[in-house]
C-alpha atoms as a PDB file:
ATOM      1  CA  MET A   1     -49.417  -9.637 -81.181  1.00  0.00           C
ATOM      2  CA  PRO A   2     -50.037 -11.269 -77.899  1.00  0.00           C
ATOM      3  CA  GLN A   3     -46.354 -12.570 -77.900  1.00  0.00           C
ATOM      4  CA  ARG A   4     -44.879  -9.283 -78.880  1.00  0.00           C
ATOM      5  CA  SER A   5     -46.993  -7.510 -75.816  1.00  0.00           C
ATOM      6  CA  GLY A   6     -45.412 -10.425 -73.278  1.00  0.00           C
ATOM      7  CA  ARG A   7     -41.823  -9.588 -74.631  1.00  0.00           C
ATOM      8  CA  ILE A   8     -42.780  -6.025 -74.100  1.00  0.00           C
ATOM      9  CA  ILE A   9     -43.994  -6.657 -70.405  1.00  0.00           C
ATOM     10  CA  TRP A  10     -40.931  -8.855 -69.659  1.00  0.00           C
ATOM     11  CA  LEU A  11     -38.650  -5.975 -71.085  1.00  0.00           C
ATOM     12  CA  LEU A  12     -40.069  -3.664 -68.879  1.00  0.00           C
ATOM     13  CA  VAL A  13     -39.903  -5.933 -65.689  1.00  0.00           C
ATOM     14  CA  ALA A  14     -36.090  -6.511 -66.187  1.00  0.00           C
ATOM     15  CA  LEU A  15     -35.488  -2.360 -66.775  1.00  0.00           C
ATOM     16  CA  LEU A  16     -37.196  -1.855 -63.310  1.00  0.00           C
ATOM     17  CA  ALA A  17     -35.104  -4.621 -61.612  1.00  0.00           C
ATOM     18  CA  LEU A  18     -32.195  -2.752 -62.822  1.00  0.00           C
ATOM     19  CA  GLY A  19     -32.842   0.828 -62.550  1.00  0.00           C
ATOM     20  CA  GLY A  20     -35.163   0.388 -59.136  1.00  0.00           C
ATOM     21  CA  GLY A  21     -33.299  -2.196 -56.877  1.00  0.00           C
ATOM     22  CA  SER A  22     -33.091   0.073 -54.257  1.00  0.00           C
ATOM     23  CA  ILE A  23     -36.759  -0.243 -54.054  1.00  0.00           C
ATOM     24  CA  LEU A  24     -36.050  -3.739 -52.814  1.00  0.00           C
ATOM     25  CA  ILE A  25     -33.771  -3.090 -50.150  1.00  0.00           C
ATOM     26  CA  GLY A  26     -35.676  -3.830 -46.859  1.00  0.00           C
ATOM     27  CA  MET A  27     -38.708  -5.768 -48.372  1.00  0.00           C
ATOM     28  CA  HIS A  28     -39.280  -9.448 -48.941  1.00  0.00           C
ATOM     29  CA  VAL A  29     -42.251 -11.682 -50.319  1.00  0.00           C
ATOM     30  CA  PRO A  30     -43.990 -13.335 -47.247  1.00  0.00           C
ATOM     31  CA  SER A  31     -44.734 -17.068 -47.275  1.00  0.00           C
ATOM     32  CA  GLY A  32     -48.473 -17.101 -48.732  1.00  0.00           C
ATOM     33  CA  THR A  33     -47.980 -14.177 -50.975  1.00  0.00           C
ATOM     34  CA  THR A  34     -49.114 -14.341 -54.433  1.00  0.00           C
ATOM     35  CA  PRO A  35     -45.854 -13.855 -56.334  1.00  0.00           C
ATOM     36  CA  GLY A  36     -44.596 -10.722 -58.165  1.00  0.00           C
ATOM     37  CA  THR A  37     -46.419  -8.794 -55.419  1.00  0.00           C
ATOM     38  CA  LEU A  38     -43.993  -6.352 -53.266  1.00  0.00           C
ATOM     39  CA  VAL A  39     -44.631  -6.298 -49.549  1.00  0.00           C
ATOM     40  CA  ALA A  40     -42.395  -3.339 -47.644  1.00  0.00           C
ATOM     41  CA  THR A  41     -41.094  -4.143 -44.219  1.00  0.00           C
ATOM     42  CA  THR A  42     -39.719  -1.886 -41.693  1.00  0.00           C
ATOM     43  CA  ALA A  43     -35.924  -2.844 -40.782  1.00  0.00           C
ATOM     44  CA  THR A  44     -35.130  -2.861 -37.273  1.00  0.00           C
ATOM     45  CA  PRO A  45     -32.972   0.323 -36.299  1.00  0.00           C
ATOM     46  CA  VAL A  46     -29.442  -1.140 -35.341  1.00  0.00           C
ATOM     47  CA  THR A  47     -29.096   1.717 -32.988  1.00  0.00           C
ATOM     48  CA  SER A  48     -31.784   0.568 -30.766  1.00  0.00           C
ATOM     49  CA  VAL A  49     -30.498  -2.616 -30.691  1.00  0.00           C
ATOM     50  CA  LEU A  50     -27.299  -1.616 -29.308  1.00  0.00           C
ATOM     51  CA  LEU A  51     -29.071   0.682 -26.876  1.00  0.00           C
ATOM     52  CA  ARG A  52     -31.191  -2.154 -25.447  1.00  0.00           C
ATOM     53  CA  ALA A  53     -28.394  -4.596 -25.233  1.00  0.00           C
ATOM     54  CA  THR A  54     -26.256  -1.944 -22.980  1.00  0.00           C
ATOM     55  CA  SER A  55     -29.301  -0.820 -20.714  1.00  0.00           C
ATOM     56  CA  THR A  56     -29.970  -4.372 -19.938  1.00  0.00           C
ATOM     57  CA  SER A  57     -26.016  -5.278 -18.895  1.00  0.00           C
ATOM     58  CA  THR A  58     -25.878  -5.929 -15.320  1.00  0.00           C
ATOM     59  CA  GLU A  59     -22.247  -6.273 -14.928  1.00  0.00           C
ATOM     60  CA  PRO A  60     -20.849  -4.469 -11.935  1.00  0.00           C
ATOM     61  CA  PRO A  61     -18.346  -1.349 -13.220  1.00  0.00           C
ATOM     62  CA  LEU A  62     -14.678  -2.019 -12.762  1.00  0.00           C
ATOM     63  CA  VAL A  63     -13.350  -0.564  -9.458  1.00  0.00           C
ATOM     64  CA  LEU A  64      -9.156  -0.055  -9.671  1.00  0.00           C
ATOM     65  CA  THR A  65      -7.567   0.191  -6.351  1.00  0.00           C
ATOM     66  CA  ASP A  66      -3.559   0.706  -5.127  1.00  0.00           C
ATOM     67  CA  THR A  67      -4.302  -0.078  -1.310  1.00  0.00           C
ATOM     68  CA  PRO A  68      -1.405  -2.229  -0.441  1.00  0.00           C
ATOM     69  CA  ASP A  69      -2.101  -5.610   1.366  1.00  0.00           C
ATOM     70  CA  SER A  70       0.678  -5.609   3.697  1.00  0.00           C
ATOM     71  CA  ILE A  71       3.210  -3.257   5.159  1.00  0.00           C
ATOM     72  CA  VAL A  72       7.049  -3.381   6.297  1.00  0.00           C
ATOM     73  CA  VAL A  73       7.910  -2.019  10.051  1.00  0.00           C
ATOM     74  CA  TYR A  74      10.824  -2.030  11.884  1.00  0.00           C
ATOM     75  CA  VAL A  75      10.485  -3.020  15.312  1.00  0.00           C
ATOM     76  CA  VAL A  76      13.045  -2.119  18.134  1.00  0.00           C
ATOM     77  CA  GLY A  77      13.205  -1.528  21.713  1.00  0.00           C
ATOM     78  CA  ALA A  78      12.154  -3.538  24.657  1.00  0.00           C
ATOM     79  CA  VAL A  79      10.672  -6.142  22.887  1.00  0.00           C
ATOM     80  CA  GLN A  80      11.566 -10.040  22.591  1.00  0.00           C
ATOM     81  CA  ARG A  81      13.026  -9.814  18.900  1.00  0.00           C
ATOM     82  CA  PRO A  82      13.474  -6.904  17.000  1.00  0.00           C
ATOM     83  CA  GLY A  83      13.702  -6.174  13.442  1.00  0.00           C
ATOM     84  CA  VAL A  84      11.881  -5.810  10.077  1.00  0.00           C
ATOM     85  CA  TYR A  85       8.645  -7.169   9.640  1.00  0.00           C
ATOM     86  CA  GLU A  86       5.368  -7.459   7.508  1.00  0.00           C
ATOM     87  CA  LEU A  87       2.338  -7.226   8.267  1.00  0.00           C
ATOM     88  CA  PRO A  88      -1.222  -6.962   7.224  1.00  0.00           C
ATOM     89  CA  ALA A  89      -2.441  -3.320   6.034  1.00  0.00           C
ATOM     90  CA  GLY A  90      -4.216  -1.862   9.113  1.00  0.00           C
ATOM     91  CA  ALA A  91      -2.139  -3.090  11.605  1.00  0.00           C
ATOM     92  CA  ARG A  92      -1.753  -1.766  15.042  1.00  0.00           C
ATOM     93  CA  VAL A  93       1.240  -1.356  17.377  1.00  0.00           C
ATOM     94  CA  ALA A  94      -0.078  -4.112  19.020  1.00  0.00           C
ATOM     95  CA  ASP A  95       0.495  -6.267  15.980  1.00  0.00           C
ATOM     96  CA  ALA A  96       4.085  -5.165  15.594  1.00  0.00           C
ATOM     97  CA  VAL A  97       4.778  -5.834  19.102  1.00  0.00           C
ATOM     98  CA  GLN A  98       3.032  -9.000  19.092  1.00  0.00           C
ATOM     99  CA  VAL A  99       5.119 -10.406  15.467  1.00  0.00           C
ATOM    100  CA  ALA A 100       8.224  -9.160  17.284  1.00  0.00           C
ATOM    101  CA  GLY A 101       7.652 -12.076  20.489  1.00  0.00           C
ATOM    102  CA  GLY A 102       6.163  -9.521  22.814  1.00  0.00           C
ATOM    103  CA  LEU A 103       7.121  -6.879  24.915  1.00  0.00           C
ATOM    104  CA  ALA A 104      10.568  -7.402  27.160  1.00  0.00           C
ATOM    105  CA  PRO A 105      10.641  -7.903  31.020  1.00  0.00           C
ATOM    106  CA  ASP A 106      11.718  -4.310  31.086  1.00  0.00           C
ATOM    107  CA  ALA A 107       8.941  -2.906  28.964  1.00  0.00           C
ATOM    108  CA  ASP A 108       7.770   0.652  30.270  1.00  0.00           C
ATOM    109  CA  THR A 109       4.254   0.250  29.026  1.00  0.00           C
ATOM    110  CA  GLU A 110       2.916   2.622  31.251  1.00  0.00           C
ATOM    111  CA  SER A 111       4.456   5.347  29.613  1.00  0.00           C
ATOM    112  CA  ALA A 112       2.207   7.757  28.312  1.00  0.00           C
ATOM    113  CA  ALA A 113       4.038   7.681  24.824  1.00  0.00           C
ATOM    114  CA  VAL A 114       3.130   3.986  24.367  1.00  0.00           C
ATOM    115  CA  ASN A 115      -0.100   3.605  22.877  1.00  0.00           C
ATOM    116  CA  LEU A 116      -0.530  -0.392  21.264  1.00  0.00           C
ATOM    117  CA  ALA A 117      -3.953   0.613  19.774  1.00  0.00           C
ATOM    118  CA  LEU A 118      -2.612   3.179  17.521  1.00  0.00           C
ATOM    119  CA  TYR A 119      -2.341   2.365  13.543  1.00  0.00           C
ATOM    120  CA  ILE A 120       1.228   1.901  11.768  1.00  0.00           C
ATOM    121  CA  ALA A 121       1.843   3.050   8.345  1.00  0.00           C
ATOM    122  CA  ASP A 122       4.174   1.449   6.096  1.00  0.00           C
ATOM    123  CA  GLU A 123       7.755   1.601   6.380  1.00  0.00           C
ATOM    124  CA  ALA A 124       7.065   2.968   9.941  1.00  0.00           C
ATOM    125  CA  ARG A 125       9.977   2.473  12.827  1.00  0.00           C
ATOM    126  CA  VAL A 126       7.931   0.966  16.305  1.00  0.00           C
ATOM    127  CA  TYR A 127       9.778   1.775  19.144  1.00  0.00           C
ATOM    128  CA  ILE A 128       8.932   0.371  22.667  1.00  0.00           C
ATOM    129  CA  PRO A 129      11.036   2.245  25.444  1.00  0.00           C
ATOM    130  CA  ARG A 130      12.159   0.775  28.588  1.00  0.00           C
ATOM    131  CA  ARG A 131      11.721   2.003  31.978  1.00  0.00           C
ATOM    132  CA  GLY A 132      13.737   4.791  32.896  1.00  0.00           C
ATOM    133  CA  THR A 133      14.051   5.897  29.238  1.00  0.00           C
ATOM    134  CA  SER A 134      11.478   8.004  26.546  1.00  0.00           C
ATOM    135  CA  GLY A 135      10.042   7.803  23.849  1.00  0.00           C
ATOM    136  CA  SER A 136       7.424   7.030  21.431  1.00  0.00           C
ATOM    137  CA  ALA A 137       6.225   4.061  20.306  1.00  0.00           C
ATOM    138  CA  VAL A 138       5.679   5.365  16.809  1.00  0.00           C
ATOM    139  CA  PRO A 139       7.593   7.395  14.932  1.00  0.00           C
ATOM    140  CA  ALA A 140       6.842  11.010  14.828  1.00  0.00           C
ATOM    141  CA  THR A 141       6.218  10.954  11.257  1.00  0.00           C
ATOM    142  CA  ASN A 142       3.190   9.081  12.134  1.00  0.00           C
ATOM    143  CA  MET A 143       1.609  11.592  14.578  1.00  0.00           C
ATOM    144  CA  PRO A 144       1.955  15.119  12.832  1.00  0.00           C
ATOM    145  CA  GLU A 145      -1.218  16.192  14.841  1.00  0.00           C
ATOM    146  CA  MET A 146       0.439  15.687  18.023  1.00  0.00           C
ATOM    147  CA  LEU A 147       3.670  17.844  17.485  1.00  0.00           C
ATOM    148  CA  PRO A 148       3.301  21.797  17.735  1.00  0.00           C
ATOM    149  CA  THR A 149       3.913  23.803  14.880  1.00  0.00           C
ATOM    150  CA  GLY A 150       7.809  24.344  14.470  1.00  0.00           C
ATOM    151  CA  ALA A 151       8.692  22.107  17.205  1.00  0.00           C
ATOM    152  CA  PRO A 152      11.775  19.983  17.161  1.00  0.00           C
ATOM    153  CA  GLU A 153      11.898  16.759  16.514  1.00  0.00           C
ATOM    154  CA  GLN A 154      11.736  14.461  19.495  1.00  0.00           C
ATOM    155  CA  VAL A 155      14.823  12.037  19.831  1.00  0.00           C
ATOM    156  CA  THR A 156      14.857   8.935  21.847  1.00  0.00           C
ATOM    157  CA  LEU A 157      17.475   8.778  24.112  1.00  0.00           C
ATOM    158  CA  ILE A 158      18.756   4.712  24.067  1.00  0.00           C
ATOM    159  CA  ASN A 159      20.213   3.227  27.304  1.00  0.00           C
ATOM    160  CA  LEU A 160      23.872   1.979  26.642  1.00  0.00           C
ATOM    161  CA  ASN A 161      23.528  -0.533  29.218  1.00  0.00           C
ATOM    162  CA  THR A 162      20.236  -2.311  28.033  1.00  0.00           C
ATOM    163  CA  ALA A 163      20.319  -1.638  24.429  1.00  0.00           C
ATOM    164  CA  GLY A 164      20.658  -4.614  22.754  1.00  0.00           C
ATOM    165  CA  ILE A 165      22.764  -4.830  19.211  1.00  0.00           C
ATOM    166  CA  ASN A 166      19.944  -4.092  16.548  1.00  0.00           C
ATOM    167  CA  GLU A 167      18.735  -1.249  18.874  1.00  0.00           C
ATOM    168  CA  LEU A 168      22.110   0.303  18.659  1.00  0.00           C
ATOM    169  CA  GLN A 169      22.684   0.034  15.269  1.00  0.00           C
ATOM    170  CA  THR A 170      19.624   2.655  15.049  1.00  0.00           C
ATOM    171  CA  ILE A 171      22.001   5.034  16.278  1.00  0.00           C
ATOM    172  CA  PRO A 172      23.783   6.935  13.525  1.00  0.00           C
ATOM    173  CA  GLY A 173      26.950   5.930  13.271  1.00  0.00           C
ATOM    174  CA  ILE A 174      26.853   2.632  14.935  1.00  0.00           C
ATOM    175  CA  GLY A 175      27.293  -0.615  12.702  1.00  0.00           C
ATOM    176  CA  PRO A 176      27.283  -3.904  13.480  1.00  0.00           C
ATOM    177  CA  GLU A 177      30.585  -4.374  14.636  1.00  0.00           C
ATOM    178  CA  LEU A 178      30.887  -1.262  16.738  1.00  0.00           C
ATOM    179  CA  ALA A 179      27.467  -1.859  18.299  1.00  0.00           C
ATOM    180  CA  GLN A 180      29.313  -5.622  19.327  1.00  0.00           C
ATOM    181  CA  ARG A 181      31.884  -3.822  20.630  1.00  0.00           C
ATOM    182  CA  ILE A 182      30.215  -1.608  22.665  1.00  0.00           C
ATOM    183  CA  ILE A 183      28.355  -4.278  24.292  1.00  0.00           C
ATOM    184  CA  ALA A 184      31.547  -6.492  24.829  1.00  0.00           C
ATOM    185  CA  TYR A 185      33.059  -3.405  26.967  1.00  0.00           C
ATOM    186  CA  ARG A 186      29.699  -3.328  28.882  1.00  0.00           C
ATOM    187  CA  GLU A 187      29.651  -6.749  29.720  1.00  0.00           C
ATOM    188  CA  GLN A 188      33.276  -7.008  30.610  1.00  0.00           C
ATOM    189  CA  LYS A 189      33.172  -3.600  32.720  1.00  0.00           C
ATOM    190  CA  GLY A 190      29.906  -4.332  34.235  1.00  0.00           C
ATOM    191  CA  GLY A 191      28.301  -1.447  32.853  1.00  0.00           C
ATOM    192  CA  PHE A 192      28.723   2.297  31.614  1.00  0.00           C
ATOM    193  CA  ARG A 193      29.105   4.541  34.495  1.00  0.00           C
ATOM    194  CA  THR A 194      29.899   7.696  31.931  1.00  0.00           C
ATOM    195  CA  LEU A 195      29.712   8.707  28.498  1.00  0.00           C
ATOM    196  CA  GLU A 196      33.392   9.004  28.462  1.00  0.00           C
ATOM    197  CA  GLU A 197      34.096   5.492  28.514  1.00  0.00           C
ATOM    198  CA  LEU A 198      33.122   5.426  25.077  1.00  0.00           C
ATOM    199  CA  LEU A 199      36.635   6.481  24.097  1.00  0.00           C
ATOM    200  CA  GLU A 200      37.981   3.125  25.419  1.00  0.00           C
ATOM    201  CA  ILE A 201      36.286   1.600  22.507  1.00  0.00           C
ATOM    202  CA  ARG A 202      38.133   0.947  19.078  1.00  0.00           C
ATOM    203  CA  GLY A 203      36.449   2.968  16.611  1.00  0.00           C
ATOM    204  CA  ILE A 204      35.364   5.658  18.586  1.00  0.00           C
ATOM    205  CA  GLY A 205      36.976   9.428  19.062  1.00  0.00           C
ATOM    206  CA  ASN A 206      35.894  12.761  20.174  1.00  0.00           C
ATOM    207  CA  THR A 207      33.835  13.393  17.286  1.00  0.00           C
ATOM    208  CA  THR A 208      31.854  10.285  17.392  1.00  0.00           C
ATOM    209  CA  LEU A 209      31.488  10.824  20.923  1.00  0.00           C
ATOM    210  CA  GLU A 210      30.015  14.332  20.127  1.00  0.00           C
ATOM    211  CA  ASN A 211      27.380  12.608  18.268  1.00  0.00           C
ATOM    212  CA  LEU A 212      26.598  10.415  20.305  1.00  0.00           C
ATOM    213  CA  ARG A 213      25.660  12.936  23.192  1.00  0.00           C
ATOM    214  CA  THR A 214      22.381  13.542  21.782  1.00  0.00           C
ATOM    215  CA  HIS A 215      21.227   9.668  20.825  1.00  0.00           C
ATOM    216  CA  VAL A 216      22.066   8.122  24.186  1.00  0.00           C
ATOM    217  CA  GLN A 217      22.030   7.952  27.673  1.00  0.00           C
ATOM    218  CA  ILE A 218      23.503   5.913  30.557  1.00  0.00           C
ATOM    219  CA  HIS A 219      21.128   4.424  33.158  1.00  0.00           C
ATOM    220  CA  GLU A 220      21.914   1.686  35.668  1.00  0.00           C
END
């Protein structure tokens, strides 16, 4: 009879294990506990662990920027080495003049249009006028606040008797070869006295001369 009672007990335990296995989830038997005793434990919620891990992060936020590290400018006029130069972002007109070899002897630094402290934008044309000419050290597109609304764009007149080959090429319609012929004529004749003398240069006709009138001037 005791043997039969023992079988019944083991059968009940087996059925309980099969039908109530889910009850055992989250439970364990600590050391020192009598075998067969079920001890309920509380599992740490996964969400709280994730929140703590997130809240204790000390990494700074990622900041993206598209600010360029350098700019490219075209320096012409009364400088030693006119040309295209790369400068660090935030450069001023004085920096552009320095990288172009400094001011030429006839640079008109007393002109009110020259401000060596101005910041330069990318792709700007920096022009330093010579004495006896007028012009701005930076293009009008860099100083829109200085132009009245509706005012025509100011055109810098280039002196044919002092302009170098690079400066002449800034004139619309003047390429390297034509600029070289203008300089050769100037040296041969000792300078220009009238704009009409340009007609004696191969490659310049009446139409070209009329276009040049709005871009050039003659000073001794």
